[in-house]
């Protein structure tokens, strides 16, 4: 990965960290709703 500036590097790192924080939260919220409505076939 080539970066022109330091800000470009930190922008990329920030986006990756933001994505890695949102995905597990989204999965957790989805499973929480599914378990509360008891529609998850387990």
N, C-alpha and C. Protein backbone atom coordinates (compact mmCIF):
# COMPACT_ATOMS: atom_id res chain seq x y z
N UNK A 1 0.84 -1.19 0.00
CA UNK A 1 0.00 0.00 0.00
C UNK A 1 0.88 1.25 0.00
N UNK A 2 0.71 2.06 -1.00
CA UNK A 2 1.48 3.30 -1.09
C UNK A 2 0.61 4.48 -0.67
N UNK A 3 1.17 5.32 0.20
CA UNK A 3 0.45 6.48 0.70
C UNK A 3 1.23 7.73 0.33
N UNK A 4 0.51 8.74 -0.15
CA UNK A 4 1.16 9.99 -0.52
C UNK A 4 1.54 10.81 0.70
N UNK A 5 0.68 10.81 1.70
CA UNK A 5 0.91 11.63 2.89
C UNK A 5 0.61 10.83 4.15
N UNK A 6 1.02 11.38 5.27
CA UNK A 6 0.72 10.76 6.56
C UNK A 6 -0.79 10.77 6.81
N UNK A 7 -1.46 11.85 6.41
CA UNK A 7 -2.90 11.92 6.63
C UNK A 7 -3.63 10.85 5.83
N UNK A 8 -3.15 10.54 4.63
CA UNK A 8 -3.75 9.47 3.85
C UNK A 8 -3.62 8.13 4.55
N UNK A 9 -2.46 7.92 5.17
CA UNK A 9 -2.24 6.67 5.91
C UNK A 9 -3.20 6.57 7.10
N UNK A 10 -3.29 7.64 7.90
CA UNK A 10 -4.16 7.59 9.07
C UNK A 10 -5.62 7.53 8.68
N UNK A 11 -5.97 8.12 7.55
CA UNK A 11 -7.35 8.03 7.06
C UNK A 11 -7.70 6.57 6.75
N UNK A 12 -6.78 5.86 6.11
CA UNK A 12 -7.01 4.45 5.79
C UNK A 12 -7.10 3.61 7.06
N UNK A 13 -6.19 3.85 8.00
CA UNK A 13 -6.19 3.10 9.26
C UNK A 13 -7.49 3.35 10.02
N UNK A 14 -7.93 4.61 10.05
CA UNK A 14 -9.16 4.96 10.76
C UNK A 14 -10.35 4.24 10.14
N UNK A 15 -10.42 4.21 8.80
CA UNK A 15 -11.53 3.53 8.14
C UNK A 15 -11.54 2.04 8.43
N UNK A 16 -10.36 1.41 8.44
CA UNK A 16 -10.29 -0.02 8.72
C UNK A 16 -10.73 -0.30 10.15
N UNK A 17 -10.28 0.52 11.11
CA UNK A 17 -10.66 0.32 12.51
C UNK A 17 -12.16 0.55 12.70
N UNK A 18 -12.69 1.55 12.04
CA UNK A 18 -14.12 1.86 12.14
C UNK A 18 -14.94 0.69 11.61
N UNK A 19 -14.52 0.13 10.47
CA UNK A 19 -15.22 -1.01 9.87
C UNK A 19 -15.15 -2.23 10.80
N UNK A 20 -13.97 -2.48 11.37
CA UNK A 20 -13.80 -3.64 12.23
C UNK A 20 -14.55 -3.49 13.55
N UNK A 21 -14.90 -2.27 13.93
CA UNK A 21 -15.70 -2.07 15.14
C UNK A 21 -17.19 -2.18 14.83
N UNK A 22 -17.61 -1.74 13.64
CA UNK A 22 -19.04 -1.74 13.31
C UNK A 22 -19.57 -3.12 12.95
N UNK A 23 -18.77 -3.93 12.28
CA UNK A 23 -19.26 -5.24 11.83
C UNK A 23 -19.65 -6.14 13.01
N UNK A 24 -18.79 -6.32 14.03
CA UNK A 24 -19.23 -7.16 15.16
C UNK A 24 -20.43 -6.57 15.90
N UNK A 25 -20.49 -5.24 15.99
CA UNK A 25 -21.66 -4.62 16.65
C UNK A 25 -22.93 -4.91 15.87
N UNK A 26 -22.87 -4.84 14.55
CA UNK A 26 -24.03 -5.14 13.73
C UNK A 26 -24.47 -6.58 13.87
N UNK A 27 -23.50 -7.49 13.90
CA UNK A 27 -23.82 -8.91 14.07
C UNK A 27 -24.44 -9.16 15.43
N UNK A 28 -23.88 -8.52 16.46
CA UNK A 28 -24.42 -8.68 17.81
C UNK A 28 -25.85 -8.18 17.91
N UNK A 29 -26.12 -7.02 17.33
CA UNK A 29 -27.47 -6.46 17.37
C UNK A 29 -28.44 -7.35 16.61
N UNK A 30 -28.01 -7.88 15.46
CA UNK A 30 -28.85 -8.79 14.67
C UNK A 30 -29.20 -10.04 15.48
N UNK A 31 -28.18 -10.64 16.11
CA UNK A 31 -28.44 -11.85 16.88
C UNK A 31 -29.30 -11.55 18.11
N UNK A 32 -29.09 -10.42 18.73
CA UNK A 32 -29.89 -10.03 19.90
C UNK A 32 -31.36 -9.91 19.52
N UNK A 33 -31.65 -9.28 18.39
CA UNK A 33 -33.03 -9.13 17.94
C UNK A 33 -33.62 -10.51 17.59
N UNK A 34 -32.82 -11.34 16.94
CA UNK A 34 -33.30 -12.67 16.56
C UNK A 34 -33.63 -13.51 17.80
N UNK A 35 -32.77 -13.45 18.81
CA UNK A 35 -33.04 -14.23 20.01
C UNK A 35 -34.24 -13.70 20.77
N UNK A 36 -34.45 -12.40 20.75
CA UNK A 36 -35.60 -11.82 21.46
C UNK A 36 -36.92 -12.15 20.77
N UNK A 37 -36.90 -12.24 19.45
CA UNK A 37 -38.12 -12.58 18.74
C UNK A 37 -38.27 -14.10 18.58
N UNK A 38 -37.22 -14.84 18.95
CA UNK A 38 -37.22 -16.30 18.90
C UNK A 38 -37.55 -16.85 17.52
N UNK A 39 -36.96 -16.24 16.50
CA UNK A 39 -37.16 -16.73 15.14
C UNK A 39 -35.89 -17.37 14.59
N UNK A 40 -34.86 -17.53 15.42
CA UNK A 40 -33.60 -18.09 14.95
C UNK A 40 -33.67 -19.61 15.04
N UNK A 41 -33.57 -20.31 13.93
CA UNK A 41 -33.69 -21.78 13.96
C UNK A 41 -32.41 -22.44 14.42
N UNK A 42 -32.28 -22.63 15.72
CA UNK A 42 -31.10 -23.32 16.26
C UNK A 42 -31.52 -24.59 16.98
